Amino acid sequence: MEARLPSEADAVVVGTGAFGLSVTAQLARLGYRRVVALDRFAVGSQTSPRAAGLFKSVQADELRTRLARMAIETVCTFERDTGVTVPFVASGSLMIARTARHAAVIDEEVEAARRWGVEVDTISPAEAVRLAPYLSAGAIVRAASVPGDIYIEEPVSLLEAYRQAAERFGASVFGQVPVTKVIVSRGAVTGVETPLGTIRTETVVDAAGAWVRAVARTAGADLPIVPLRHQLAISHPLAGVAPEQPIVRIFDAAVYVRPCRGGLMWGGFEVEPLPLDPAAMGEGFSIDRVPLDFRVLEGFAAAVRDTVAVLHGAAVQEHRGGLFTMTPDGRFVVGPVPGVRGLWVLSGCNGSGFSFSPALGRVLAEWIVTGRPSIDVGPLTLARFVRAFAEEELRAAAIHQYTHYYEPVEETSERG
């Protein structure tokens, strides 16, 4: 049966991944009674359900640290605030370094995180193994424990919780309804066009994931975002692995590991990631057509063999991947789109969008509804980019950010 779209809305959200569904739920919760979320595919079906589900308190700057803590708090209080349950595991996490250089990176992050209110402590390699028995201590030079970190076992459960909360507060969520154009008149949004009709609205949130740039272009705007492939794998059940064991991040290998379905999930940030623009792939392209390469995961397992030996040759029950939306400076894009009044954007996941979605959806909804977010996200707006990027320059900067995910990156010419 064909969806019956409303002819008017207080806000239209384009995209029903973690970003889109989060801001939809929060807009409705804050009093926007006619919120409509649209997706060209099935609701919540693209990159977000393929996420790793990791939440990380220790971030590169104070703003992202505050947002990360808000995200964890929002998940932990989601049932109280919305009446909808979000299953999560309060596992904590470990940061691991096997080189002196990366040990120094962890030491710096620990010191900064403590200043910003995160509970984090350096621990011995033996203590790290006690907390995560799937580790071997021999190669560990530095370890730090973050007890407040969490993970969501099956990322689709958070998407479903967002959707249920959004609908409970009165929003409407539609899949298989692409937005073909954001209608702009005299510099302001007046509606969106879809194959099922036009919705009049003065507020549009572009949260279309890997398609975010294509949607913005229909409004005459552009976004400095490059989609890059990311992959992970989940092993079959392994002896001694338990859900409450911590997430492990091995900085020098750019690899993460966590318990999952009785086995271990692992993934990482490859040195030569694959850029992939959905807009150039044709109308039939979707995330399930992203080409996967298991040799990358085998390489990660080999790189950490002396620390997580059990991954080497482990039987795999799932290999999946999606597209990260990377920006030139490795930070989110949140807020109004300059030059198009009423057009807002929530994108630039940079590998952390799923885990930041509870906070970013909340602060963007606050900004739209009240005119002011509870956390100042000004440094994350598009206004920070003072010039346009040439395509090759943009791609090179995005790849650089991806490959340095676990290392500090100098912010010099990235903003232009």
Foldseek 3Di string as FASTA:
>chain_A
DDDDDDQAFQEEEEAQALQRLLLLLQLLLVPRQEYEYEYLAPHHDAFQQQAPQWQDQQDDDLQVNVLSVVLLVCLVCVCVSQVFHADKAQQWEKEFELDPVVQVVVVVSVVRSVVSPFDKAKDALVVLCVLPVLWDSPRTPTMMIRRRIMGRQGSVSSSVRSNVSSVVSNYHYDYSWHFPAQDADPLFTQWTQTPNGIYGYRAYEQAHALCSQVHVVSVVAGDLKWWWKWKKFWFAADPPADQNRHWYQYQVLQKIWHDHNNTIMMTGQDLDIDTDRPVVVDPPDGFVPDDDDCVRVQVSCVVCCNTNVCPNVTHTPDMGMHIAIAWLQLAWAFAAGPRYRNYTYTHHCSSPCNSSSNSRSNQNSCCVPVVGGPRDPVVRHLVLQPDDDDPVSSVVSRSVSRNQVSHDDDPDPSSD
